[in-house]
Amino acid sequence: MASRPPRLLVCTDTWPPQVNGVSVVTALSVTGLRERGWEVAVVAPKYPEPRAHAFPVELSTGRGGTTQIPSAPMPGYPDIRLALPSERPIATILQEFQPDLVHSATEFVIGRIGQRLAAGAGIPTVSSYHTDFSRYTEAYGVPWLRPSVSRYLANFHRRSRRVYTPSHVAAADLATIGVQQVEVWGRGVDTRQFSPERRSSALRSAWGSNDTFVLVHVGRLAAEKGVDRILAAYQQARGSLPFGSVHLVVAGSGPREDALRESVHEGVSFLGNLDRSEVLPRLYASADAFVFASLTETLGLVVLEAMSSGLPVIAVPAGGVADHLRDGANGIACAAADTASMASAIVRLVLDRALTRRLARGARLTAEALDWSRELDALDRSYREVAFAGAHPGPSALRLEHAG
């Protein structure tokens, strides 16, 4: 009897049409693995029909199908859906689909149930560490919860045969809480989709004259992202520059959107969530620089997308951003929570266009070394090791394998 293709079940608490770095990377991984011969099934929350879908259609459909778990809006952040703790649908798909491997892409309801049921059925499990939720406790005013959140994350990931995280900083964070079976993976960007060639003169003209310096920020408008610091730095820089010489464009949505919109009155355009296949690449390529303030990223996918689009990056070298930001080579590094430092960087780029062009070239070169196809090939190999070879190499070997 002919052998069947390998089968993967992805259990995730975030999935298109929800827009964030985790949903993007997870969806791209599913598409890439199907192209590499895997049959992939997905368990994810059920979402209301979006007004506009930010993802291309091929990311949310395909062989294996998607099982949707009923969900409810998260209090205070309705864009995030909390799946109901329903075991039956996941148990059913485990029995019917018979996966060779279960990947818990998130650590909460669906990810945890999938992990537990797979372990009970003797199916190998792996997990992803995309987000340091323990640091979120400070952004949301409950720092005393950080030890409890760290313990939960540690216990969750210790149950995995392998943990995938997109930066060496995040891998080190996992090591400090006793998680050793870590592979640095997921630091890729599609350099054809996000390219300087997507530049649009018509789009750029909406924000001022040809001489206007256009800054862009892309991301969720939530407390932990520090967008309020970006707006404060921008207003400070704007006061030091000739009128009309700089404009800030903010793409994304979230619970802080209304408050952020109300905090500024001119010189800033808020665009909401954008289609990732066409509109977002044009936005990046039509700007002059990217600005980012988050301190909690394990990767900072939008930073790589901006670099791939030929934008110098003004950011804090914290978390996964530190793996890629090189001060004076592809961007300008700012001190954490230092508005004046970020404002100074903005002024510097606006007034020195030669520096901006040099950093833009460096940013594109950085992105060109991070081929997404190579990352997907590595994930394919890693999955097959765990699912079929029973391989469980130590952390040193794993980190060195994809350290380039």
Protein backbone atom coordinates (compact mmCIF):
# COMPACT_ATOMS: atom_id res chain seq x y z
CA MET A 1 0.00 0.00 0.00
CA ALA A 2 1.37 3.40 -0.96
CA SER A 3 2.42 5.57 1.95
CA ARG A 4 0.28 8.63 2.55
CA PRO A 5 1.62 12.20 2.81
CA PRO A 6 2.67 13.40 6.28
CA ARG A 7 -0.14 15.01 8.26
CA LEU A 8 0.04 18.02 10.55
CA LEU A 9 -2.63 19.42 12.84
CA VAL A 10 -2.17 23.08 13.78
CA CYS A 11 -3.98 24.23 16.92
CA THR A 12 -4.05 28.02 17.16
CA ASP A 13 -5.96 30.69 19.03
CA THR A 14 -5.37 33.25 16.26
CA TRP A 15 -5.95 32.81 12.54
CA PRO A 16 -7.06 34.89 9.55
CA PRO A 17 -9.01 37.13 9.34
CA GLN A 18 -7.45 38.23 12.66
CA VAL A 19 -4.39 40.34 11.85
CA ASN A 20 -1.21 39.97 13.91
CA GLY A 21 2.27 38.55 13.52
CA VAL A 22 1.29 35.13 14.87
CA SER A 23 -1.65 34.68 12.49
CA VAL A 24 0.49 35.82 9.54
CA VAL A 25 3.40 33.47 10.27
CA THR A 26 1.10 30.53 11.09
CA ALA A 27 -0.92 30.98 7.90
CA LEU A 28 2.18 31.34 5.74
CA SER A 29 3.62 28.20 7.35
CA VAL A 30 0.48 26.21 6.57
CA THR A 31 0.59 27.32 2.91
CA GLY A 32 4.30 26.53 2.63
CA LEU A 33 3.98 23.09 4.21
CA ARG A 34 1.13 22.14 1.89
CA GLU A 35 3.39 23.09 -1.01
CA ARG A 36 6.01 20.74 0.46
CA GLY A 37 3.71 17.74 0.49
CA TRP A 38 2.06 17.94 3.92
CA GLU A 39 -1.63 17.53 4.52
CA VAL A 40 -2.48 20.19 7.07
CA ALA A 41 -5.59 20.64 9.16
CA VAL A 42 -6.17 23.71 11.33
CA VAL A 43 -8.23 24.24 14.47
CA ALA A 44 -8.90 27.94 15.13
CA PRO A 45 -11.51 30.25 16.64
CA LYS A 46 -14.60 31.15 14.65
CA TYR A 47 -14.57 34.83 13.65
CA PRO A 48 -17.34 37.15 12.51
CA GLU A 49 -17.27 37.84 8.78
CA PRO A 50 -14.78 40.73 8.34
CA ARG A 51 -15.71 43.91 6.54
CA ALA A 52 -12.47 43.62 4.59
CA HIS A 53 -10.18 40.58 4.55
CA ALA A 54 -6.54 41.54 5.17
CA PHE A 55 -5.24 38.18 3.95
CA PRO A 56 -5.12 36.74 0.44
CA VAL A 57 -7.63 33.91 0.04
CA GLU A 58 -5.05 31.14 -0.31
CA LEU A 59 -3.87 31.63 3.27
CA SER A 60 -7.18 30.66 4.81
CA THR A 61 -8.12 27.67 2.67
CA GLY A 62 -6.47 24.50 1.43
CA ARG A 63 -6.21 20.74 1.88
CA GLY A 64 -6.96 19.47 5.38
CA GLY A 65 -9.51 22.15 6.08
CA THR A 66 -10.13 24.39 9.07
CA THR A 67 -12.22 23.44 12.09
CA GLN A 68 -13.69 26.52 13.75
CA ILE A 69 -14.31 26.60 17.50
CA PRO A 70 -17.07 28.93 18.75
CA SER A 71 -15.58 32.05 20.32
CA ALA A 72 -16.46 35.22 22.18
CA PRO A 73 -14.89 38.71 22.01
CA MET A 74 -12.22 39.45 24.58
CA PRO A 75 -13.44 42.11 27.05
CA GLY A 76 -11.77 45.41 26.21
CA TYR A 77 -10.28 44.03 22.98
CA PRO A 78 -13.14 42.64 20.85
CA ASP A 79 -10.92 42.02 17.82
CA ILE A 80 -9.37 39.15 19.79
CA ARG A 81 -11.66 36.14 19.99
CA LEU A 82 -11.48 33.79 22.97
CA ALA A 83 -12.30 30.23 21.92
CA LEU A 84 -14.65 28.31 24.13
CA PRO A 85 -12.89 25.40 25.91
CA SER A 86 -14.47 22.73 23.72
CA GLU A 87 -12.59 19.42 23.55
CA ARG A 88 -14.97 17.44 21.34
CA PRO A 89 -14.13 19.07 17.96
CA ILE A 90 -10.40 18.67 18.56
CA ALA A 91 -10.78 15.08 19.75
CA THR A 92 -12.85 14.34 16.65
CA ILE A 93 -10.31 15.76 14.22
CA LEU A 94 -7.49 13.89 15.97
CA GLN A 95 -9.39 10.66 15.47
CA GLU A 96 -10.50 11.33 11.89
CA PHE A 97 -7.46 13.14 10.48
CA GLN A 98 -4.87 11.00 12.35
CA PRO A 99 -2.04 13.55 12.26
CA ASP A 100 1.59 12.54 12.58
CA LEU A 101 2.35 15.75 14.48
CA VAL A 102 0.39 18.38 16.41
CA HIS A 103 1.69 21.95 16.54
CA SER A 104 0.26 24.22 19.22
CA ALA A 105 0.93 27.63 17.69
CA THR A 106 -0.42 29.40 20.79
CA GLU A 107 -0.33 28.62 24.48
CA PHE A 108 -3.94 29.14 25.46
CA VAL A 109 -7.34 27.50 24.95
CA ILE A 110 -7.05 25.74 21.57
CA GLY A 111 -3.29 25.31 21.77
CA ARG A 112 -3.46 23.83 25.27
CA ILE A 113 -6.35 21.45 24.51
CA GLY A 114 -4.63 20.27 21.34
CA GLN A 115 -1.39 19.67 23.23
CA ARG A 116 -3.09 17.71 26.00
CA LEU A 117 -5.26 15.53 23.74
CA ALA A 118 -2.37 14.79 21.39
CA ALA A 119 -0.18 13.71 24.30
CA GLY A 120 -2.95 11.42 25.53
CA ALA A 121 -3.15 9.86 22.06
CA GLY A 122 0.63 9.39 21.84
CA ILE A 123 1.05 11.92 19.01
CA PRO A 124 4.26 14.03 19.08
CA THR A 125 3.65 17.68 19.92
CA VAL A 126 5.60 20.85 19.20
CA SER A 127 4.81 24.47 20.05
CA SER A 128 5.58 28.07 19.14
CA TYR A 129 6.76 30.87 21.39
CA HIS A 130 5.77 33.96 19.43
CA THR A 131 4.83 36.28 22.28
CA ASP A 132 6.27 37.01 25.71
CA PHE A 133 2.97 37.44 27.50
CA SER A 134 4.76 37.87 30.83
CA ARG A 135 6.03 41.27 29.64
CA TYR A 136 2.50 42.25 28.63
CA THR A 137 1.56 42.26 32.32
CA GLU A 138 3.54 45.49 32.79
CA ALA A 139 1.95 47.19 29.76
CA TYR A 140 -1.49 46.37 31.13
CA GLY A 141 -0.77 47.50 34.69
CA VAL A 142 -0.64 44.10 36.41
CA PRO A 143 3.11 43.47 36.86
CA TRP A 144 2.51 41.24 39.88
CA LEU A 145 1.11 38.61 37.51
CA ARG A 146 4.37 38.27 35.59
CA PRO A 147 5.82 35.34 37.66
CA SER A 148 2.58 33.38 37.31
CA VAL A 149 2.44 33.95 33.54
CA SER A 150 6.11 32.93 33.21
CA ARG A 151 5.46 29.69 35.12
CA TYR A 152 2.51 28.85 32.91
CA LEU A 153 4.53 29.47 29.72
CA ALA A 154 7.42 27.39 31.06
CA ASN A 155 5.20 24.44 31.95
CA PHE A 156 3.41 24.61 28.61
CA HIS A 157 6.55 24.61 26.46
CA ARG A 158 8.39 21.98 28.51
CA ARG A 159 5.75 19.51 27.33
CA SER A 160 6.77 20.03 23.68
CA ARG A 161 9.34 17.92 21.91
CA ARG A 162 10.48 21.09 20.17
CA VAL A 163 9.69 24.79 20.61
CA TYR A 164 9.97 27.22 17.69
CA THR A 165 10.78 30.86 18.39
CA PRO A 166 11.90 33.54 15.93
CA SER A 167 14.88 35.13 17.72
CA HIS A 168 17.93 34.27 19.76
CA VAL A 169 16.79 36.73 22.42
CA ALA A 170 13.54 34.79 22.79
CA ALA A 171 15.42 31.49 22.89
CA ALA A 172 17.54 32.86 25.74
CA ASP A 173 14.38 34.00 27.54
CA LEU A 174 13.01 30.46 27.28
CA ALA A 175 16.25 29.04 28.65
CA THR A 176 15.97 31.23 31.74
CA ILE A 177 12.59 29.64 32.55
CA GLY A 178 13.89 26.13 31.98
CA VAL A 179 12.77 25.46 28.39
CA GLN A 180 15.68 23.89 26.53
CA GLN A 181 14.36 22.10 23.41
CA VAL A 182 14.30 25.34 21.39
CA GLU A 183 14.83 25.95 17.67
CA VAL A 184 15.23 29.47 16.34
CA TRP A 185 12.90 29.53 13.36
CA GLY A 186 10.56 31.89 11.52
CA ARG A 187 12.82 34.84 10.69
CA GLY A 188 11.73 35.07 7.08
CA VAL A 189 10.19 37.66 4.78
CA ASP A 190 8.91 37.48 1.23
CA THR A 191 11.25 39.89 -0.53
CA ARG A 192 9.23 39.75 -3.75
CA GLN A 193 5.98 40.71 -2.09
CA PHE A 194 7.60 43.38 0.09
CA SER A 195 9.83 45.23 -2.34
CA PRO A 196 10.85 48.83 -3.16
CA GLU A 197 9.40 48.16 -6.62
CA ARG A 198 5.88 48.38 -5.10
CA ARG A 199 6.30 52.16 -4.64
CA SER A 200 3.20 54.14 -5.69
CA SER A 201 3.46 57.81 -6.66
CA ALA A 202 -0.31 58.18 -6.44
CA LEU A 203 -0.41 56.78 -2.91
CA ARG A 204 2.47 58.95 -1.80
CA SER A 205 0.86 62.12 -3.15
CA ALA A 206 -1.99 61.63 -0.66
CA TRP A 207 0.38 62.53 2.17
CA GLY A 208 2.00 65.68 0.82
CA SER A 209 4.39 66.90 -1.84
CA ASN A 210 7.23 64.88 -3.34
CA ASP A 211 9.53 66.48 -0.76
CA THR A 212 7.42 65.40 2.23
CA PHE A 213 9.21 62.76 4.32
CA VAL A 214 6.72 59.96 5.01
CA LEU A 215 7.08 57.88 8.16
CA VAL A 216 5.04 54.70 8.53
CA HIS A 217 4.12 52.49 11.45
CA VAL A 218 2.34 49.14 11.02
CA GLY A 219 1.02 47.07 13.89
CA ARG A 220 -1.72 46.44 16.41
CA LEU A 221 -2.83 49.56 18.24
CA ALA A 222 -2.55 48.06 21.71
CA ALA A 223 -0.88 49.21 24.93
CA GLU A 224 2.16 46.94 24.65
CA LYS A 225 3.08 48.31 21.20
CA GLY A 226 4.01 51.78 22.47
CA VAL A 227 2.34 53.68 19.63
CA ASP A 228 1.66 56.57 22.01
CA ARG A 229 5.43 57.03 22.28
CA ILE A 230 5.71 57.11 18.48
CA LEU A 231 3.07 59.84 18.28
CA ALA A 232 4.76 61.84 21.02
CA ALA A 233 8.16 61.56 19.31
CA TYR A 234 6.65 62.48 15.96
CA GLN A 235 4.98 65.61 17.34
CA GLN A 236 8.23 66.62 19.03
CA ALA A 237 10.19 66.11 15.79
CA ARG A 238 7.55 67.92 13.76
CA GLY A 239 8.00 70.99 15.93
CA SER A 240 11.69 71.09 14.97
CA LEU A 241 11.12 70.76 11.23
CA PRO A 242 9.71 73.05 8.53
CA PHE A 243 5.93 72.90 8.23
CA GLY A 244 4.72 70.13 5.94
CA SER A 245 8.11 68.44 5.69
CA VAL A 246 7.05 65.22 7.46
CA HIS A 247 3.93 63.07 7.66
CA LEU A 248 3.18 59.95 9.74
CA VAL A 249 1.00 57.08 8.48
CA VAL A 250 -0.29 54.50 10.97
CA ALA A 251 -1.72 51.18 9.72
CA GLY A 252 -3.44 48.72 12.03
CA SER A 253 -6.25 48.61 14.54
CA GLY A 254 -6.80 47.66 18.16
CA PRO A 255 -8.24 48.78 21.49
CA ARG A 256 -6.11 51.94 21.63
CA GLU A 257 -7.15 53.19 18.20
CA ASP A 258 -9.80 55.71 19.30
CA ALA A 259 -7.59 57.18 22.04
CA LEU A 260 -4.61 57.45 19.69
CA ARG A 261 -6.68 59.15 17.00
CA GLU A 262 -7.95 61.67 19.55
CA SER A 263 -4.44 62.43 20.79
CA VAL A 264 -3.33 64.02 17.48
CA HIS A 265 -5.00 66.58 15.27
CA GLU A 266 -2.95 66.94 12.09
CA GLY A 267 -0.01 65.46 10.24
CA VAL A 268 -1.04 61.84 10.99
CA SER A 269 -3.10 59.44 8.85
CA PHE A 270 -4.73 56.37 10.42
CA LEU A 271 -5.57 53.68 7.87
CA GLY A 272 -6.82 50.68 9.88
CA ASN A 273 -6.03 47.13 8.77
CA LEU A 274 -4.90 46.78 5.17
CA ASP A 275 -4.93 43.98 2.61
CA ARG A 276 -1.58 42.20 2.95
CA SER A 277 -1.32 40.99 -0.62
CA GLU A 278 -1.37 44.35 -2.43
CA VAL A 279 -2.13 47.43 -0.33
CA LEU A 280 0.27 46.92 2.59
CA PRO A 281 3.30 46.27 0.34
CA ARG A 282 2.53 49.50 -1.55
CA LEU A 283 2.23 51.40 1.72
CA TYR A 284 5.67 50.31 2.92
CA ALA A 285 7.34 50.97 -0.42
CA SER A 286 5.77 54.43 -0.75
CA ALA A 287 7.16 55.66 2.59
CA ASP A 288 10.66 56.87 3.49
CA ALA A 289 11.23 55.27 6.92
CA PHE A 290 9.59 52.89 9.40
CA VAL A 291 9.18 53.68 13.08
CA PHE A 292 8.56 51.09 15.81
CA ALA A 293 8.49 51.34 19.60
CA SER A 294 7.50 47.92 20.97
CA LEU A 295 9.70 46.33 23.64
CA THR A 296 7.94 42.94 23.69
CA GLU A 297 8.50 41.45 20.21
CA THR A 298 9.98 38.00 19.76
CA LEU A 299 10.41 38.80 16.05
CA GLY A 300 8.80 42.04 14.89
CA LEU A 301 7.64 40.75 11.50
CA VAL A 302 6.64 44.24 10.39
CA VAL A 303 10.23 45.39 10.89
CA LEU A 304 11.44 42.76 8.40
CA GLU A 305 8.65 43.67 5.96
CA ALA A 306 9.66 47.33 6.18
CA MET A 307 13.34 46.52 5.62
CA SER A 308 12.44 44.32 2.67
CA SER A 309 10.52 47.28 1.24
CA GLY A 310 13.68 49.40 1.43
CA LEU A 311 12.86 51.40 4.55
CA PRO A 312 15.40 52.36 7.21
CA VAL A 313 13.99 51.46 10.62
CA ILE A 314 13.83 53.68 13.69
CA ALA A 315 13.27 51.30 16.60
CA VAL A 316 14.31 50.09 20.02
CA PRO A 317 16.71 47.11 19.73
CA ALA A 318 14.68 45.01 22.18
CA GLY A 319 13.56 41.38 21.86
CA GLY A 320 13.63 39.96 18.35
CA VAL A 321 14.15 43.40 16.79
CA ALA A 322 17.69 43.29 18.19
CA ASP A 323 18.51 40.33 15.92
CA HIS A 324 18.10 42.50 12.81
CA LEU A 325 18.40 46.21 13.63
CA ARG A 326 21.93 47.52 13.06
CA ASP A 327 22.41 51.12 14.13
CA GLY A 328 23.95 53.12 11.30
CA ALA A 329 23.70 50.21 8.83
CA ASN A 330 19.99 49.60 8.26
CA GLY A 331 18.36 51.99 10.71
CA ILE A 332 18.73 54.01 13.88
CA ALA A 333 18.51 52.44 17.33
CA CYS A 334 16.67 54.37 20.05
CA ALA A 335 16.75 54.02 23.79
CA ALA A 336 13.76 52.26 25.35
CA ALA A 337 10.83 54.54 26.19
CA ASP A 338 12.96 57.58 25.23
CA THR A 339 10.76 59.95 23.23
CA ALA A 340 13.54 62.46 22.70
CA SER A 341 15.82 59.78 21.24
CA MET A 342 13.18 58.72 18.73
CA ALA A 343 12.36 62.33 17.83
CA SER A 344 16.05 63.03 17.22
CA ALA A 345 16.27 60.01 14.90
CA ILE A 346 13.27 61.24 12.91
CA VAL A 347 14.75 64.72 12.51
CA ARG A 348 18.08 63.27 11.50
CA LEU A 349 16.59 61.23 8.64
CA VAL A 350 14.34 64.03 7.41
CA LEU A 351 17.27 66.45 7.18
CA ASP A 352 19.83 63.97 5.82
CA ARG A 353 18.35 62.26 2.77
CA ALA A 354 21.73 60.78 1.80
CA LEU A 355 21.81 58.97 5.14
CA THR A 356 18.23 57.80 4.57
CA ARG A 357 19.16 56.35 1.18
CA ARG A 358 22.23 54.59 2.57
CA LEU A 359 20.26 53.03 5.44
CA ALA A 360 17.51 52.04 2.99
CA ARG A 361 20.02 50.06 0.94
CA GLY A 362 21.28 48.40 4.11
CA ALA A 363 17.75 47.50 5.15
CA ARG A 364 17.01 45.81 1.84
CA LEU A 365 20.27 43.85 2.03
CA THR A 366 19.34 42.65 5.52
CA ALA A 367 15.98 41.37 4.27
CA GLU A 368 17.45 39.67 1.20
CA ALA A 369 19.45 37.39 3.52
CA LEU A 370 16.22 36.22 5.23
CA ASP A 371 14.63 34.08 2.55
CA TRP A 372 11.20 32.78 3.59
CA SER A 373 11.47 29.68 1.38
CA ARG A 374 14.60 28.65 3.24
CA GLU A 375 12.78 28.98 6.55
CA LEU A 376 9.94 26.81 5.29
CA ASP A 377 12.38 24.16 4.08
CA ALA A 378 13.92 24.15 7.55
CA LEU A 379 10.51 23.76 9.18
CA ASP A 380 9.66 20.86 6.87
CA ARG A 381 12.88 19.06 7.86
CA SER A 382 12.38 19.79 11.55
CA TYR A 383 8.79 18.51 11.56
CA ARG A 384 9.84 15.28 9.85
CA GLU A 385 12.58 14.74 12.43
CA VAL A 386 10.13 15.08 15.31
CA ALA A 387 7.26 13.18 13.71
CA PHE A 388 9.10 10.25 12.14
CA ALA A 389 12.71 9.98 13.32
CA GLY A 390 12.01 10.53 16.98
CA ALA A 391 14.91 12.95 16.92
CA HIS A 392 15.24 15.14 19.94
CA PRO A 393 18.57 16.98 19.58
CA GLY A 394 19.78 19.14 22.40
CA PRO A 395 19.37 22.90 22.44
CA SER A 396 22.89 23.70 21.31
CA ALA A 397 22.54 21.75 18.08
CA LEU A 398 19.15 23.25 17.39
CA ARG A 399 20.23 26.83 17.88
CA LEU A 400 23.38 26.44 15.79
CA GLU A 401 21.51 24.82 12.91
CA HIS A 402 19.53 27.95 12.06
CA ALA A 403 21.76 30.62 13.55
CA GLY A 404 22.57 32.10 10.17
